[in-house]
Structure formats: structure tokens, C-alpha cells
């Protein structure tokens, strides 16, 4: 079963991460949530934004089942990274990204 993890990093960027090869315990300085609604509430509390300003603006990361590489998808449905990246790179990306 593929799980989705909801994550906020130390820079208040928030993500929905879906894939088999992911362990949230490997993240540093990130908060994890069971549901998207819990994550949205935390983003609103941390940033002072209202739900309408954060709803559906998370960065989505999906693992390809064939090659196990991760792809980033923005709120418009556009992929941002051409070649994907592996799980070790994903942990660093989630922890450190500062847009």
C-alpha cells in the first residue's frame, strides 16, 4: 500500500509525499501529519495565512513505481524536475528547500 505523508519543513514549505520508499523518520527539522487538513491547519497557524491561501498549494512529490525516482509536481500540475531524484536526495530536498 502506498502512503501519503504530509510534511512542513523548517522554512514553512509544505508537501504531500506519496511513495513506497519513504520514511519520515529520516527528515530533519520537519513536522509530519496524518492528514492534509492537519497540515493545512499547521501551515495557517505558523504563517498567519488563511486556509484559502494555503489550500491546494502544497508541493506534491510522487515516486515512480518503475524506477523509484521522485517527481515534483506544483499546484498547477506541472512537473518541476526533469529527471527525478532518488530517496536520499528527497530527504535533503524536503529538509532544506527554501523557495
PDB file of N, CA and C in Angstrom:
ATOM      1  N   UNK A   1       0.837  -1.181   0.000  1.00  0.00           N
ATOM      2  CA  UNK A   1       0.000   0.000   0.000  1.00  0.00           C
ATOM      3  C   UNK A   1       0.885   1.249   0.000  1.00  0.00           C
ATOM      4  N   UNK A   2       0.580   2.178  -0.871  1.00  0.00           N
ATOM      5  CA  UNK A   2       1.329   3.419  -0.972  1.00  0.00           C
ATOM      6  C   UNK A   2       0.713   4.439  -0.021  1.00  0.00           C
ATOM      7  N   UNK A   3       1.557   5.015   0.824  1.00  0.00           N
ATOM      8  CA  UNK A   3       1.090   6.005   1.792  1.00  0.00           C
ATOM      9  C   UNK A   3       1.437   7.404   1.333  1.00  0.00           C
ATOM     10  N   UNK A   4       0.619   8.370   1.750  1.00  0.00           N
ATOM     11  CA  UNK A   4       0.928   9.775   1.532  1.00  0.00           C
ATOM     12  C   UNK A   4       1.295  10.385   2.869  1.00  0.00           C
ATOM     13  N   UNK A   5       2.409  11.098   2.887  1.00  0.00           N
ATOM     14  CA  UNK A   5       2.900  11.784   4.078  1.00  0.00           C
ATOM     15  C   UNK A   5       2.741  13.282   3.852  1.00  0.00           C
ATOM     16  N   UNK A   6       2.262  13.974   4.866  1.00  0.00           N
ATOM     17  CA  UNK A   6       2.079  15.420   4.788  1.00  0.00           C
ATOM     18  C   UNK A   6       3.130  16.064   5.672  1.00  0.00           C
ATOM     19  N   UNK A   7       3.898  16.986   5.108  1.00  0.00           N
ATOM     20  CA  UNK A   7       5.117  17.479   5.754  1.00  0.00           C
ATOM     21  C   UNK A   7       5.214  18.989   5.635  1.00  0.00           C
ATOM     22  N   UNK A   8       5.675  19.632   6.715  1.00  0.00           N
ATOM     23  CA  UNK A   8       6.063  21.043   6.686  1.00  0.00           C
ATOM     24  C   UNK A   8       7.527  21.097   7.093  1.00  0.00           C
ATOM     25  N   UNK A   9       8.341  21.804   6.295  1.00  0.00           N
ATOM     26  CA  UNK A   9       9.750  21.904   6.667  1.00  0.00           C
ATOM     27  C   UNK A   9      10.007  23.158   7.498  1.00  0.00           C
ATOM     28  N   UNK A  10      11.251  23.354   7.892  1.00  0.00           N
ATOM     29  CA  UNK A  10      11.624  24.460   8.772  1.00  0.00           C
ATOM     30  C   UNK A  10      11.428  25.822   8.116  1.00  0.00           C
ATOM     31  N   UNK A  11      11.263  25.858   6.796  1.00  0.00           N
ATOM     32  CA  UNK A  11      11.049  27.112   6.074  1.00  0.00           C
ATOM     33  C   UNK A  11       9.582  27.334   5.725  1.00  0.00           C
ATOM     34  N   UNK A  12       8.699  26.548   6.348  1.00  0.00           N
ATOM     35  CA  UNK A  12       7.250  26.620   6.164  1.00  0.00           C
ATOM     36  C   UNK A  12       6.783  26.245   4.761  1.00  0.00           C
ATOM     37  N   UNK A  13       7.573  25.462   4.033  1.00  0.00           N
ATOM     38  CA  UNK A  13       7.108  24.898   2.778  1.00  0.00           C
ATOM     39  C   UNK A  13       6.436  23.572   3.108  1.00  0.00           C
ATOM     40  N   UNK A  14       5.376  23.273   2.399  1.00  0.00           N
ATOM     41  CA  UNK A  14       4.601  22.088   2.755  1.00  0.00           C
ATOM     42  C   UNK A  14       4.405  21.185   1.547  1.00  0.00           C
ATOM     43  N   UNK A  15       4.333  19.887   1.851  1.00  0.00           N
ATOM     44  CA  UNK A  15       4.439  18.855   0.834  1.00  0.00           C
ATOM     45  C   UNK A  15       3.467  17.708   1.101  1.00  0.00           C
ATOM     46  N   UNK A  16       3.047  17.066   0.016  1.00  0.00           N
ATOM     47  CA  UNK A  16       2.374  15.769   0.071  1.00  0.00           C
ATOM     48  C   UNK A  16       3.300  14.796  -0.649  1.00  0.00           C
ATOM     49  N   UNK A  17       3.795  13.793   0.067  1.00  0.00           N
ATOM     50  CA  UNK A  17       4.788  12.860  -0.463  1.00  0.00           C
ATOM     51  C   UNK A  17       4.156  11.470  -0.536  1.00  0.00           C
ATOM     52  N   UNK A  18       4.085  10.913  -1.752  1.00  0.00           N
ATOM     53  CA  UNK A  18       3.451   9.618  -1.961  1.00  0.00           C
ATOM     54  C   UNK A  18       4.431   8.651  -2.614  1.00  0.00           C
ATOM     55  N   UNK A  19       4.701   7.550  -1.914  1.00  0.00           N
ATOM     56  CA  UNK A  19       5.595   6.537  -2.461  1.00  0.00           C
ATOM     57  C   UNK A  19       5.875   5.448  -1.447  1.00  0.00           C
ATOM     58  N   UNK A  20       6.395   4.333  -1.931  1.00  0.00           N
ATOM     59  CA  UNK A  20       6.702   3.196  -1.062  1.00  0.00           C
ATOM     60  C   UNK A  20       8.012   3.359  -0.313  1.00  0.00           C
ATOM     61  N   UNK A  21       8.979   3.997  -0.941  1.00  0.00           N
ATOM     62  CA  UNK A  21      10.343   4.066  -0.421  1.00  0.00           C
ATOM     63  C   UNK A  21      10.560   5.381   0.331  1.00  0.00           C
ATOM     64  N   UNK A  22       9.775   5.618   1.382  1.00  0.00           N
ATOM     65  CA  UNK A  22       9.877   6.872   2.126  1.00  0.00           C
ATOM     66  C   UNK A  22       9.663   6.598   3.605  1.00  0.00           C
ATOM     67  N   UNK A  23      10.542   7.151   4.430  1.00  0.00           N
ATOM     68  CA  UNK A  23      10.443   7.030   5.882  1.00  0.00           C
ATOM     69  C   UNK A  23      10.604   8.424   6.479  1.00  0.00           C
ATOM     70  N   UNK A  24       9.524   8.989   6.982  1.00  0.00           N
ATOM     71  CA  UNK A  24       9.538  10.352   7.518  1.00  0.00           C
ATOM     72  C   UNK A  24      10.511  10.512   8.679  1.00  0.00           C
ATOM     73  N   UNK A  25      10.903   9.421   9.318  1.00  0.00           N
ATOM     74  CA  UNK A  25      11.882   9.499  10.411  1.00  0.00           C
ATOM     75  C   UNK A  25      13.257   9.955   9.924  1.00  0.00           C
ATOM     76  N   UNK A  26      13.495   9.904   8.628  1.00  0.00           N
ATOM     77  CA  UNK A  26      14.779  10.336   8.072  1.00  0.00           C
ATOM     78  C   UNK A  26      14.842  11.836   7.797  1.00  0.00           C
ATOM     79  N   UNK A  27      13.769  12.552   8.075  1.00  0.00           N
ATOM     80  CA  UNK A  27      13.749  14.002   7.873  1.00  0.00           C
ATOM     81  C   UNK A  27      14.301  14.712   9.099  1.00  0.00           C
ATOM     82  N   UNK A  28      14.890  15.869   8.881  1.00  0.00           N
ATOM     83  CA  UNK A  28      15.421  16.682   9.971  1.00  0.00           C
ATOM     84  C   UNK A  28      14.707  18.024   9.978  1.00  0.00           C
ATOM     85  N   UNK A  29      14.193  18.431  11.135  1.00  0.00           N
ATOM     86  CA  UNK A  29      13.574  19.743  11.257  1.00  0.00           C
ATOM     87  C   UNK A  29      12.240  19.879  10.553  1.00  0.00           C
ATOM     88  N   UNK A  30      11.566  18.779  10.313  1.00  0.00           N
ATOM     89  CA  UNK A  30      10.277  18.799   9.624  1.00  0.00           C
ATOM     90  C   UNK A  30       9.175  18.287  10.551  1.00  0.00           C
ATOM     91  N   UNK A  31       7.974  18.783  10.329  1.00  0.00           N
ATOM     92  CA  UNK A  31       6.800  18.292  11.040  1.00  0.00           C
ATOM     93  C   UNK A  31       6.019  17.398  10.079  1.00  0.00           C
ATOM     94  N   UNK A  32       5.502  16.276  10.573  1.00  0.00           N
ATOM     95  CA  UNK A  32       4.706  15.380   9.745  1.00  0.00           C
ATOM     96  C   UNK A  32       3.287  15.293  10.299  1.00  0.00           C
ATOM     97  N   UNK A  33       2.344  15.018   9.403  1.00  0.00           N
ATOM     98  CA  UNK A  33       0.927  14.997   9.764  1.00  0.00           C
ATOM     99  C   UNK A  33       0.248  13.796   9.122  1.00  0.00           C
ATOM    100  N   UNK A  34      -0.806  13.328   9.752  1.00  0.00           N
ATOM    101  CA  UNK A  34      -1.562  12.183   9.253  1.00  0.00           C
ATOM    102  C   UNK A  34      -2.479  12.568   8.095  1.00  0.00           C
ATOM    103  N   UNK A  35      -2.979  13.804   8.107  1.00  0.00           N
ATOM    104  CA  UNK A  35      -3.928  14.225   7.081  1.00  0.00           C
ATOM    105  C   UNK A  35      -3.526  15.573   6.491  1.00  0.00           C
ATOM    106  N   UNK A  36      -4.044  15.827   5.303  1.00  0.00           N
ATOM    107  CA  UNK A  36      -3.808  17.101   4.643  1.00  0.00           C
ATOM    108  C   UNK A  36      -4.435  18.238   5.446  1.00  0.00           C
ATOM    109  N   UNK A  37      -5.614  18.005   6.022  1.00  0.00           N
ATOM    110  CA  UNK A  37      -6.277  19.046   6.813  1.00  0.00           C
ATOM    111  C   UNK A  37      -5.447  19.444   8.030  1.00  0.00           C
ATOM    112  N   UNK A  38      -4.836  18.468   8.694  1.00  0.00           N
ATOM    113  CA  UNK A  38      -3.955  18.779   9.836  1.00  0.00           C
ATOM    114  C   UNK A  38      -2.761  19.612   9.380  1.00  0.00           C
ATOM    115  N   UNK A  39      -2.195  19.256   8.233  1.00  0.00           N
ATOM    116  CA  UNK A  39      -1.062  20.014   7.707  1.00  0.00           C
ATOM    117  C   UNK A  39      -1.488  21.435   7.370  1.00  0.00           C
ATOM    118  N   UNK A  40      -2.619  21.593   6.692  1.00  0.00           N
ATOM    119  CA  UNK A  40      -3.100  22.935   6.351  1.00  0.00           C
ATOM    120  C   UNK A  40      -3.307  23.781   7.602  1.00  0.00           C
ATOM    121  N   UNK A  41      -3.898  23.203   8.637  1.00  0.00           N
ATOM    122  CA  UNK A  41      -4.121  23.946   9.883  1.00  0.00           C
ATOM    123  C   UNK A  41      -2.798  24.402  10.483  1.00  0.00           C
ATOM    124  N   UNK A  42      -1.792  23.542  10.448  1.00  0.00           N
ATOM    125  CA  UNK A  42      -0.476  23.905  10.984  1.00  0.00           C
ATOM    126  C   UNK A  42       0.188  24.988  10.137  1.00  0.00           C
ATOM    127  N   UNK A  43       0.064  24.899   8.816  1.00  0.00           N
ATOM    128  CA  UNK A  43       0.624  25.941   7.945  1.00  0.00           C
ATOM    129  C   UNK A  43      -0.034  27.279   8.259  1.00  0.00           C
ATOM    130  N   UNK A  44      -1.346  27.280   8.399  1.00  0.00           N
ATOM    131  CA  UNK A  44      -2.063  28.520   8.724  1.00  0.00           C
ATOM    132  C   UNK A  44      -1.591  29.087  10.058  1.00  0.00           C
ATOM    133  N   UNK A  45      -1.442  28.241  11.059  1.00  0.00           N
ATOM    134  CA  UNK A  45      -1.003  28.692  12.385  1.00  0.00           C
ATOM    135  C   UNK A  45       0.423  29.236  12.339  1.00  0.00           C
ATOM    136  N   UNK A  46       1.297  28.601  11.576  1.00  0.00           N
ATOM    137  CA  UNK A  46       2.707  29.014  11.513  1.00  0.00           C
ATOM    138  C   UNK A  46       2.917  30.272  10.688  1.00  0.00           C
ATOM    139  N   UNK A  47       2.087  30.483   9.669  1.00  0.00           N
ATOM    140  CA  UNK A  47       2.322  31.585   8.734  1.00  0.00           C
ATOM    141  C   UNK A  47       1.363  32.758   8.896  1.00  0.00           C
ATOM    142  N   UNK A  48       0.238  32.534   9.575  1.00  0.00           N
ATOM    143  CA  UNK A  48      -0.767  33.583   9.689  1.00  0.00           C
ATOM    144  C   UNK A  48      -1.648  33.704   8.453  1.00  0.00           C
ATOM    145  N   UNK A  49      -1.512  32.773   7.520  1.00  0.00           N
ATOM    146  CA  UNK A  49      -2.341  32.773   6.320  1.00  0.00           C
ATOM    147  C   UNK A  49      -3.655  32.059   6.609  1.00  0.00           C
ATOM    148  N   UNK A  50      -4.688  32.369   5.819  1.00  0.00           N
ATOM    149  CA  UNK A  50      -5.960  31.667   5.981  1.00  0.00           C
ATOM    150  C   UNK A  50      -5.973  30.431   5.084  1.00  0.00           C
ATOM    151  N   UNK A  51      -6.924  29.557   5.329  1.00  0.00           N
ATOM    152  CA  UNK A  51      -6.989  28.283   4.613  1.00  0.00           C
ATOM    153  C   UNK A  51      -7.057  28.480   3.100  1.00  0.00           C
ATOM    154  N   UNK A  52      -7.814  29.471   2.640  1.00  0.00           N
ATOM    155  CA  UNK A  52      -7.918  29.712   1.200  1.00  0.00           C
ATOM    156  C   UNK A  52      -6.576  30.054   0.561  1.00  0.00           C
ATOM    157  N   UNK A  53      -5.651  30.569   1.343  1.00  0.00           N
ATOM    158  CA  UNK A  53      -4.340  30.948   0.818  1.00  0.00           C
ATOM    159  C   UNK A  53      -3.352  29.780   0.776  1.00  0.00           C
ATOM    160  N   UNK A  54      -3.647  28.707   1.493  1.00  0.00           N
ATOM    161  CA  UNK A  54      -2.731  27.559   1.509  1.00  0.00           C
ATOM    162  C   UNK A  54      -3.323  26.306   0.863  1.00  0.00           C
ATOM    163  N   UNK A  55      -4.640  26.236   0.785  1.00  0.00           N
ATOM    164  CA  UNK A  55      -5.329  25.061   0.265  1.00  0.00           C
ATOM    165  C   UNK A  55      -4.906  24.769  -1.172  1.00  0.00           C
ATOM    166  N   UNK A  56      -4.413  23.548  -1.415  1.00  0.00           N
ATOM    167  CA  UNK A  56      -4.002  23.034  -2.718  1.00  0.00           C
ATOM    168  C   UNK A  56      -2.715  23.662  -3.253  1.00  0.00           C
ATOM    169  N   UNK A  57      -1.943  24.345  -2.417  1.00  0.00           N
ATOM    170  CA  UNK A  57      -0.676  24.922  -2.864  1.00  0.00           C
ATOM    171  C   UNK A  57       0.534  24.132  -2.372  1.00  0.00           C
ATOM    172  N   UNK A  58       0.311  22.942  -1.814  1.00  0.00           N
ATOM    173  CA  UNK A  58       1.442  22.114  -1.397  1.00  0.00           C
ATOM    174  C   UNK A  58       2.205  21.615  -2.626  1.00  0.00           C
ATOM    175  N   UNK A  59       3.470  21.329  -2.416  1.00  0.00           N
ATOM    176  CA  UNK A  59       4.283  20.698  -3.449  1.00  0.00           C
ATOM    177  C   UNK A  59       4.051  19.192  -3.326  1.00  0.00           C
ATOM    178  N   UNK A  60       3.730  18.558  -4.431  1.00  0.00           N
ATOM    179  CA  UNK A  60       3.455  17.127  -4.447  1.00  0.00           C
ATOM    180  C   UNK A  60       4.693  16.397  -4.957  1.00  0.00           C
ATOM    181  N   UNK A  61       5.084  15.358  -4.255  1.00  0.00           N
ATOM    182  CA  UNK A  61       6.210  14.521  -4.678  1.00  0.00           C
ATOM    183  C   UNK A  61       5.713  13.088  -4.780  1.00  0.00           C
ATOM    184  N   UNK A  62       5.882  12.505  -5.959  1.00  0.00           N
ATOM    185  CA  UNK A  62       5.380  11.160  -6.231  1.00  0.00           C
ATOM    186  C   UNK A  62       6.533  10.284  -6.703  1.00  0.00           C
ATOM    187  N   UNK A  63       6.575   9.064  -6.149  1.00  0.00           N
ATOM    188  CA  UNK A  63       7.613   8.115  -6.540  1.00  0.00           C
ATOM    189  C   UNK A  63       7.132   7.260  -7.707  1.00  0.00           C
ATOM    190  N   UNK A  64       7.935   7.188  -8.738  1.00  0.00           N
ATOM    191  CA  UNK A  64       7.646   6.348  -9.894  1.00  0.00           C
ATOM    192  C   UNK A  64       7.881   4.887  -9.509  1.00  0.00           C
ATOM    193  N   UNK A  65       6.876   4.057  -9.677  1.00  0.00           N
ATOM    194  CA  UNK A  65       6.974   2.649  -9.277  1.00  0.00           C
ATOM    195  C   UNK A  65       7.963   1.865 -10.135  1.00  0.00           C
ATOM    196  N   UNK A  66       8.229   2.330 -11.343  1.00  0.00           N
ATOM    197  CA  UNK A  66       9.133   1.599 -12.238  1.00  0.00           C
ATOM    198  C   UNK A  66      10.606   1.839 -11.933  1.00  0.00           C
ATOM    199  N   UNK A  67      10.976   3.103 -11.658  1.00  0.00           N
ATOM    200  CA  UNK A  67      12.395   3.401 -11.456  1.00  0.00           C
ATOM    201  C   UNK A  67      12.716   3.934 -10.055  1.00  0.00           C
ATOM    202  N   UNK A  68      11.697   4.060  -9.199  1.00  0.00           N
ATOM    203  CA  UNK A  68      11.832   4.535  -7.815  1.00  0.00           C
ATOM    204  C   UNK A  68      12.333   5.969  -7.694  1.00  0.00           C
ATOM    205  N   UNK A  69      12.362   6.726  -8.781  1.00  0.00           N
ATOM    206  CA  UNK A  69      12.745   8.131  -8.705  1.00  0.00           C
ATOM    207  C   UNK A  69      11.527   8.980  -8.359  1.00  0.00           C
ATOM    208  N   UNK A  70      11.798  10.124  -7.755  1.00  0.00           N
ATOM    209  CA  UNK A  70      10.743  11.027  -7.299  1.00  0.00           C
ATOM    210  C   UNK A  70      10.568  12.174  -8.280  1.00  0.00           C
ATOM    211  N   UNK A  71       9.320  12.580  -8.483  1.00  0.00           N
ATOM    212  CA  UNK A  71       8.988  13.706  -9.341  1.00  0.00           C
ATOM    213  C   UNK A  71       8.235  14.741  -8.518  1.00  0.00           C
ATOM    214  N   UNK A  72       8.588  16.000  -8.718  1.00  0.00           N
ATOM    215  CA  UNK A  72       7.924  17.116  -8.040  1.00  0.00           C
ATOM    216  C   UNK A  72       6.846  17.677  -8.961  1.00  0.00           C
ATOM    217  N   UNK A  73       5.664  17.912  -8.396  1.00  0.00           N
ATOM    218  CA  UNK A  73       4.550  18.485  -9.151  1.00  0.00           C
ATOM    219  C   UNK A  73       4.041  19.691  -8.371  1.00  0.00           C
ATOM    220  N   UNK A  74       3.904  20.833  -9.058  1.00  0.00           N
ATOM    221  CA  UNK A  74       3.427  22.028  -8.363  1.00  0.00           C
ATOM    222  C   UNK A  74       1.902  22.086  -8.377  1.00  0.00           C
ATOM    223  N   UNK A  75       1.345  23.151  -7.799  1.00  0.00           N
ATOM    224  CA  UNK A  75      -0.109  23.258  -7.650  1.00  0.00           C
ATOM    225  C   UNK A  75      -0.838  23.377  -8.994  1.00  0.00           C
ATOM    226  N   UNK A  76      -0.126  23.661 -10.075  1.00  0.00           N
ATOM    227  CA  UNK A  76      -0.733  23.733 -11.407  1.00  0.00           C
ATOM    228  C   UNK A  76      -0.720  22.385 -12.112  1.00  0.00           C
ATOM    229  N   UNK A  77      -0.041  21.400 -11.505  1.00  0.00           N
ATOM    230  CA  UNK A  77       0.082  20.089 -12.119  1.00  0.00           C
ATOM    231  C   UNK A  77       1.301  19.955 -13.006  1.00  0.00           C
ATOM    232  N   UNK A  78       2.191  20.945 -12.962  1.00  0.00           N
ATOM    233  CA  UNK A  78       3.409  20.926 -13.779  1.00  0.00           C
ATOM    234  C   UNK A  78       4.547  20.266 -13.013  1.00  0.00           C
ATOM    235  N   UNK A  79       5.309  19.431 -13.704  1.00  0.00           N
ATOM    236  CA  UNK A  79       6.486  18.848 -13.075  1.00  0.00           C
ATOM    237  C   UNK A  79       7.622  19.852 -13.133  1.00  0.00           C
ATOM    238  N   UNK A  80       8.376  19.918 -12.045  1.00  0.00           N
ATOM    239  CA  UNK A  80       9.444  20.901 -11.937  1.00  0.00           C
ATOM    240  C   UNK A  80      10.818  20.314 -12.196  1.00  0.00           C
ATOM    241  N   UNK A  81      10.978  19.032 -11.983  1.00  0.00           N
ATOM    242  CA  UNK A  81      12.282  18.401 -12.147  1.00  0.00           C
ATOM    243  C   UNK A  81      12.201  17.399 -13.288  1.00  0.00           C
ATOM    244  N   UNK A  82      13.080  17.532 -14.254  1.00  0.00           N
ATOM    245  CA  UNK A  82      13.000  16.707 -15.455  1.00  0.00           C
ATOM    246  C   UNK A  82      13.360  15.246 -15.226  1.00  0.00           C
ATOM    247  N   UNK A  83      14.435  14.996 -14.492  1.00  0.00           N
ATOM    248  CA  UNK A  83      14.960  13.641 -14.387  1.00  0.00           C
ATOM    249  C   UNK A  83      14.567  12.898 -13.122  1.00  0.00           C
ATOM    250  N   UNK A  84      13.920  13.557 -12.182  1.00  0.00           N
ATOM    251  CA  UNK A  84      13.600  12.931 -10.916  1.00  0.00           C
ATOM    252  C   UNK A  84      14.826  12.833 -10.032  1.00  0.00           C
ATOM    253  N   UNK A  85      14.644  12.354  -8.824  1.00  0.00           N
ATOM    254  CA  UNK A  85      15.756  12.203  -7.893  1.00  0.00           C
ATOM    255  C   UNK A  85      15.473  11.035  -6.982  1.00  0.00           C
ATOM    256  N   UNK A  86      16.534  10.514  -6.352  1.00  0.00           N
ATOM    257  CA  UNK A  86      16.371   9.327  -5.523  1.00  0.00           C
ATOM    258  C   UNK A  86      15.912   9.706  -4.113  1.00  0.00           C
ATOM    259  N   UNK A  87      15.663   8.700  -3.294  1.00  0.00           N
ATOM    260  CA  UNK A  87      15.092   8.931  -1.967  1.00  0.00           C
ATOM    261  C   UNK A  87      16.045   9.683  -1.051  1.00  0.00           C
ATOM    262  N   UNK A  88      17.331   9.417  -1.123  1.00  0.00           N
ATOM    263  CA  UNK A  88      18.297  10.149  -0.293  1.00  0.00           C
ATOM    264  C   UNK A  88      18.268  11.630  -0.654  1.00  0.00           C
ATOM    265  N   UNK A  89      18.228  11.941  -1.943  1.00  0.00           N
ATOM    266  CA  UNK A  89      18.125  13.331  -2.381  1.00  0.00           C
ATOM    267  C   UNK A  89      16.809  13.947  -1.924  1.00  0.00           C
ATOM    268  N   UNK A  90      15.748  13.149  -1.902  1.00  0.00           N
ATOM    269  CA  UNK A  90      14.444  13.644  -1.470  1.00  0.00           C
ATOM    270  C   UNK A  90      14.488  14.127  -0.027  1.00  0.00           C
ATOM    271  N   UNK A  91      15.102  13.363   0.866  1.00  0.00           N
ATOM    272  CA  UNK A  91      15.180  13.778   2.272  1.00  0.00           C
ATOM    273  C   UNK A  91      15.894  15.118   2.402  1.00  0.00           C
ATOM    274  N   UNK A  92      16.979  15.298   1.694  1.00  0.00           N
ATOM    275  CA  UNK A  92      17.718  16.558   1.728  1.00  0.00           C
ATOM    276  C   UNK A  92      16.876  17.690   1.157  1.00  0.00           C
ATOM    277  N   UNK A  93      16.207  17.432   0.056  1.00  0.00           N
ATOM    278  CA  UNK A  93      15.356  18.424  -0.586  1.00  0.00           C
ATOM    279  C   UNK A  93      14.250  18.894   0.354  1.00  0.00           C
ATOM    280  N   UNK A  94      13.527  17.948   0.950  1.00  0.00           N
ATOM    281  CA  UNK A  94      12.423  18.305   1.844  1.00  0.00           C
ATOM    282  C   UNK A  94      12.910  19.099   3.050  1.00  0.00           C
ATOM    283  N   UNK A  95      14.036  18.724   3.596  1.00  0.00           N
ATOM    284  CA  UNK A  95      14.571  19.377   4.784  1.00  0.00           C
ATOM    285  C   UNK A  95      15.077  20.778   4.484  1.00  0.00           C
ATOM    286  N   UNK A  96      15.693  20.976   3.335  1.00  0.00           N
ATOM    287  CA  UNK A  96      16.436  22.208   3.083  1.00  0.00           C
ATOM    288  C   UNK A  96      15.811  23.191   2.113  1.00  0.00           C
ATOM    289  N   UNK A  97      14.790  22.809   1.366  1.00  0.00           N
ATOM    290  CA  UNK A  97      14.277  23.698   0.337  1.00  0.00           C
ATOM    291  C   UNK A  97      13.823  25.026   0.943  1.00  0.00           C
ATOM    292  N   UNK A  98      14.230  26.076   0.294  1.00  0.00           N
ATOM    293  CA  UNK A  98      13.835  27.431   0.681  1.00  0.00           C
ATOM    294  C   UNK A  98      13.575  28.184  -0.606  1.00  0.00           C
ATOM    295  N   UNK A  99      12.317  28.281  -0.996  1.00  0.00           N
ATOM    296  CA  UNK A  99      11.969  28.910  -2.274  1.00  0.00           C
ATOM    297  C   UNK A  99      12.081  30.410  -2.213  1.00  0.00           C
TER     298      UNK A  99
END
